[in-house]
Amino acid sequence: MRHPLHRTELALMGAGLVLVGIFATAWLHRTVMSRASLRAFDLRAAAAGQPPSGSVQDPAGSGGSAVHPGGVDFTLWSPKRIEAYRASLEAQIAAPLAVLRIPKLDLVVPVLEGTDELVLNRGVGHIEGTPRPGEAGNVGIAGHRDGFFRGLKDIVVGDRLDLATEDGTESYQVAGITIVPPSDVSVLAPTAQPTVTLVTCYPFYFVGSAPLRYIVRAVRVESVS
């Protein structure tokens, strides 16, 4: 026959384990929800033309003079594109699908739906007919060569880019860079491996309508959160 004190100790130990379990569950829930809330905040901030959390306010070498209050570095931009971006901030626009980050370029930019002029002045655009950010397959993203995507001229194979949605952040590594005619849409063909394809016009400093397309292909390497 067990001593009553022993049964009491077991009951207290059981209650303690239950409390630890409740605490752990609450902590995990709070952590996950905090991260989700931060990602949602980033997307709303990007839609409003404000810098998402963790973005670079004054990239090295800019001296601050070319940085918009929203955190956009205009150093490489054409005057026409700067004015177009500023004008786009006056328009109401749908929340971004994602935030694209390229650490090497100090680039943090919203990924908006579509590729019309307003979208590409405000951020970069998800190419219709390709998977949406966060979905499996080959996600196509377009941007202006004299705006957000001018820095792609400095990207090389092996560089990293991150794509953050409300569901989490995925990291990709640049696997290839090609230059193709506008008619070559094979770069947007479905892929078995999760892929992001960045598209901009080329040459970067061509006067007039650029005749070619600069393609950066990146494949997923990990999920950050």
Protein backbone atom coordinates (compact mmCIF):
# COMPACT_ATOMS: atom_id res chain seq x y z
CA MET A 1 0.00 0.00 0.00
CA ARG A 2 1.37 3.35 -1.08
CA HIS A 3 1.97 6.05 1.45
CA PRO A 4 -0.47 9.02 1.07
CA LEU A 5 2.47 11.40 0.89
CA HIS A 6 3.85 9.52 -2.10
CA ARG A 7 0.55 9.85 -3.93
CA THR A 8 0.52 13.59 -3.15
CA GLU A 9 4.02 13.97 -4.56
CA LEU A 10 3.01 12.19 -7.74
CA ALA A 11 -0.08 14.39 -8.07
CA LEU A 12 2.02 17.54 -7.62
CA MET A 13 4.56 16.32 -10.15
CA GLY A 14 1.77 15.61 -12.64
CA ALA A 15 0.28 19.05 -12.10
CA GLY A 16 3.72 20.57 -12.56
CA LEU A 17 4.19 18.77 -15.87
CA VAL A 18 0.81 19.98 -17.05
CA LEU A 19 1.72 23.57 -16.17
CA VAL A 20 5.07 23.25 -17.97
CA GLY A 21 3.22 21.93 -21.01
CA ILE A 22 0.76 24.82 -20.93
CA PHE A 23 3.62 27.32 -20.59
CA ALA A 24 5.55 25.75 -23.48
CA THR A 25 2.47 25.74 -25.69
CA ALA A 26 1.73 29.38 -24.86
CA TRP A 27 5.35 30.39 -25.52
CA LEU A 28 5.40 28.60 -28.87
CA HIS A 29 2.07 30.13 -29.89
CA ARG A 30 3.24 33.60 -28.88
CA THR A 31 6.53 33.20 -30.79
CA VAL A 32 4.85 31.94 -33.96
CA MET A 33 2.17 34.62 -33.82
CA SER A 34 4.77 37.33 -33.22
CA ARG A 35 6.69 36.28 -36.30
CA ALA A 36 3.50 36.09 -38.36
CA SER A 37 2.48 39.53 -37.13
CA LEU A 38 5.90 40.93 -38.03
CA ARG A 39 5.64 39.51 -41.54
CA ALA A 40 2.13 40.95 -41.92
CA PHE A 41 3.44 44.31 -40.68
CA ASP A 42 6.24 44.16 -43.25
CA LEU A 43 3.76 43.58 -46.05
CA ARG A 44 1.49 46.43 -44.93
CA ALA A 45 4.50 48.73 -44.52
CA ALA A 46 5.74 47.85 -47.98
CA ALA A 47 2.33 48.67 -49.47
CA ALA A 48 2.49 52.10 -47.85
CA GLY A 49 5.96 52.80 -49.19
CA GLN A 50 7.58 52.43 -45.77
CA PRO A 51 10.62 50.27 -44.95
CA PRO A 52 9.87 46.76 -43.65
CA SER A 53 11.57 45.75 -40.42
CA GLY A 54 15.23 44.93 -40.93
CA SER A 55 15.52 47.03 -44.09
CA VAL A 56 18.48 49.26 -44.72
CA GLN A 57 17.73 52.92 -44.03
CA ASP A 58 21.03 54.38 -45.23
CA PRO A 59 23.00 51.91 -47.36
CA ALA A 60 26.77 52.17 -47.14
CA GLY A 61 28.15 54.75 -49.50
CA SER A 62 24.87 56.57 -50.03
CA GLY A 63 25.64 59.28 -47.50
CA GLY A 64 21.91 59.56 -46.90
CA SER A 65 21.40 62.09 -49.72
CA ALA A 66 19.92 59.54 -52.12
CA VAL A 67 17.75 57.70 -49.63
CA HIS A 68 13.99 58.32 -49.69
CA PRO A 69 12.32 58.68 -46.26
CA GLY A 70 10.70 55.30 -46.94
CA GLY A 71 14.12 53.66 -47.04
CA VAL A 72 14.50 53.41 -50.84
CA ASP A 73 18.04 54.04 -52.07
CA PHE A 74 17.88 56.10 -55.29
CA THR A 75 21.63 56.08 -55.96
CA LEU A 76 21.37 54.03 -59.18
CA TRP A 77 17.92 55.20 -60.26
CA SER A 78 17.16 57.39 -63.27
CA PRO A 79 15.54 60.79 -62.49
CA LYS A 80 12.44 59.73 -64.43
CA ARG A 81 12.02 56.59 -62.33
CA ILE A 82 12.50 58.48 -59.06
CA GLU A 83 9.69 60.85 -59.97
CA ALA A 84 7.47 57.96 -61.05
CA TYR A 85 8.07 56.21 -57.73
CA ARG A 86 7.22 59.32 -55.72
CA ALA A 87 4.04 59.83 -57.75
CA SER A 88 3.04 56.19 -57.17
CA LEU A 89 2.98 56.74 -53.41
CA GLU A 90 -0.13 58.88 -53.82
CA ALA A 91 -2.11 55.94 -55.24
CA GLN A 92 -3.95 53.31 -53.22
CA ILE A 93 -2.57 49.88 -53.97
CA ALA A 94 -3.29 46.34 -52.85
CA ALA A 95 -1.13 44.77 -50.16
CA PRO A 96 2.02 43.07 -51.50
CA LEU A 97 2.17 39.33 -52.00
CA ALA A 98 5.67 39.26 -50.53
CA VAL A 99 8.78 41.24 -49.72
CA LEU A 100 11.90 40.52 -51.77
CA ARG A 101 15.25 41.03 -50.05
CA ILE A 102 18.67 40.82 -51.72
CA PRO A 103 21.23 41.46 -48.96
CA LYS A 104 24.18 42.04 -51.30
CA LEU A 105 22.31 44.87 -53.03
CA ASP A 106 20.75 46.32 -49.84
CA LEU A 107 17.46 45.80 -51.65
CA VAL A 108 14.16 45.44 -49.80
CA VAL A 109 11.17 45.79 -52.12
CA PRO A 110 7.48 44.78 -52.12
CA VAL A 111 6.32 42.18 -54.63
CA LEU A 112 2.97 43.38 -55.96
CA GLU A 113 0.48 41.57 -58.17
CA GLY A 114 0.83 42.25 -61.88
CA THR A 115 3.29 44.15 -64.03
CA ASP A 116 1.49 47.36 -64.99
CA GLU A 117 3.23 50.72 -64.79
CA LEU A 118 1.90 51.66 -61.35
CA VAL A 119 3.04 48.35 -59.89
CA LEU A 120 6.54 48.56 -61.37
CA ASN A 121 6.95 52.16 -60.26
CA ARG A 122 5.93 51.28 -56.69
CA GLY A 123 7.83 48.00 -56.37
CA VAL A 124 8.38 44.84 -58.40
CA GLY A 125 5.64 42.73 -59.92
CA HIS A 126 4.56 39.10 -59.82
CA ILE A 127 4.33 37.92 -63.43
CA GLU A 128 0.85 36.64 -64.27
CA GLY A 129 0.67 32.94 -65.07
CA THR A 130 3.53 31.96 -62.76
CA PRO A 131 3.12 30.60 -59.21
CA ARG A 132 2.59 33.20 -56.50
CA PRO A 133 5.36 33.81 -53.97
CA GLY A 134 5.42 30.95 -51.48
CA GLU A 135 3.94 28.45 -53.95
CA ALA A 136 5.84 25.60 -55.57
CA GLY A 137 7.32 26.06 -59.03
CA ASN A 138 8.91 28.94 -60.91
CA VAL A 139 7.86 32.32 -59.46
CA GLY A 140 8.37 35.12 -61.99
CA ILE A 141 9.11 38.66 -60.71
CA ALA A 142 9.67 41.67 -62.97
CA GLY A 143 11.18 45.07 -62.21
CA HIS A 144 12.41 48.20 -63.98
CA ARG A 145 16.08 48.28 -65.03
CA ASP A 146 16.35 51.96 -64.05
CA GLY A 147 14.65 51.51 -60.67
CA PHE A 148 14.50 48.71 -58.12
CA PHE A 149 16.18 46.14 -60.38
CA ARG A 150 19.12 48.21 -61.63
CA GLY A 151 21.27 46.67 -58.90
CA LEU A 152 20.86 43.26 -60.57
CA LYS A 153 23.80 44.27 -62.77
CA ASP A 154 26.03 43.54 -59.75
CA ILE A 155 24.56 40.19 -58.75
CA VAL A 156 26.53 36.98 -59.34
CA VAL A 157 25.95 33.26 -59.14
CA GLY A 158 25.90 32.18 -55.51
CA ASP A 159 24.33 35.36 -54.14
CA ARG A 160 21.31 34.96 -51.85
CA LEU A 161 17.85 36.40 -52.03
CA ASP A 162 14.96 36.03 -49.57
CA LEU A 163 11.26 36.02 -50.31
CA ALA A 164 9.05 36.74 -47.29
CA THR A 165 5.29 36.14 -47.21
CA GLU A 166 2.88 35.95 -44.28
CA ASP A 167 3.51 32.19 -44.27
CA GLY A 168 7.26 32.51 -43.77
CA THR A 169 10.56 33.42 -45.41
CA GLU A 170 12.30 31.30 -48.03
CA SER A 171 15.92 31.71 -49.09
CA TYR A 172 17.15 31.22 -52.64
CA GLN A 173 20.60 31.11 -54.22
CA VAL A 174 21.36 32.55 -57.64
CA ALA A 175 22.06 29.61 -59.96
CA GLY A 176 22.32 31.34 -63.31
CA ILE A 177 22.19 34.65 -65.19
CA THR A 178 21.17 34.85 -68.85
CA ILE A 179 20.30 37.50 -71.44
CA VAL A 180 17.48 36.65 -73.82
CA PRO A 181 15.21 38.35 -76.37
CA PRO A 182 11.75 39.43 -75.11
CA SER A 183 10.17 36.63 -77.13
CA ASP A 184 11.96 33.94 -75.11
CA VAL A 185 9.39 33.10 -72.44
CA SER A 186 10.95 29.72 -71.73
CA VAL A 187 12.67 31.32 -68.72
CA LEU A 188 9.25 31.32 -67.04
CA ALA A 189 8.52 27.65 -67.77
CA PRO A 190 7.47 25.49 -64.80
CA THR A 191 10.26 23.96 -62.74
CA ALA A 192 10.30 20.92 -60.47
CA GLN A 193 12.52 22.71 -57.95
CA PRO A 194 11.18 25.81 -56.13
CA THR A 195 12.60 28.70 -58.16
CA VAL A 196 12.47 32.48 -58.42
CA THR A 197 13.13 34.11 -61.79
CA LEU A 198 13.87 37.85 -61.78
CA VAL A 199 13.29 39.66 -65.07
CA THR A 200 14.35 43.14 -66.14
CA CYS A 201 15.22 44.93 -69.37
CA TYR A 202 18.77 45.02 -70.74
CA PRO A 203 21.18 46.76 -71.26
CA PHE A 204 20.74 48.54 -67.94
CA TYR A 205 21.79 51.98 -69.23
CA PHE A 206 20.37 51.72 -72.76
CA VAL A 207 18.81 54.94 -74.04
CA GLY A 208 15.26 54.25 -75.14
CA SER A 209 13.43 50.95 -75.05
CA ALA A 210 15.91 48.24 -74.12
CA PRO A 211 15.92 45.38 -76.66
CA LEU A 212 16.79 42.44 -74.40
CA ARG A 213 15.85 40.86 -71.09
CA TYR A 214 18.19 40.17 -68.16
CA ILE A 215 17.25 36.99 -66.33
CA VAL A 216 18.37 35.98 -62.85
CA ARG A 217 17.42 32.42 -61.87
CA ALA A 218 17.57 31.45 -58.18
CA VAL A 219 16.69 28.11 -56.55
CA ARG A 220 15.46 27.58 -53.02
CA VAL A 221 18.01 26.47 -50.47
CA GLU A 222 16.12 26.64 -47.15
CA SER A 223 13.12 27.93 -45.26
CA VAL A 224 14.09 30.57 -42.69
CA SER A 225 10.77 30.74 -40.83
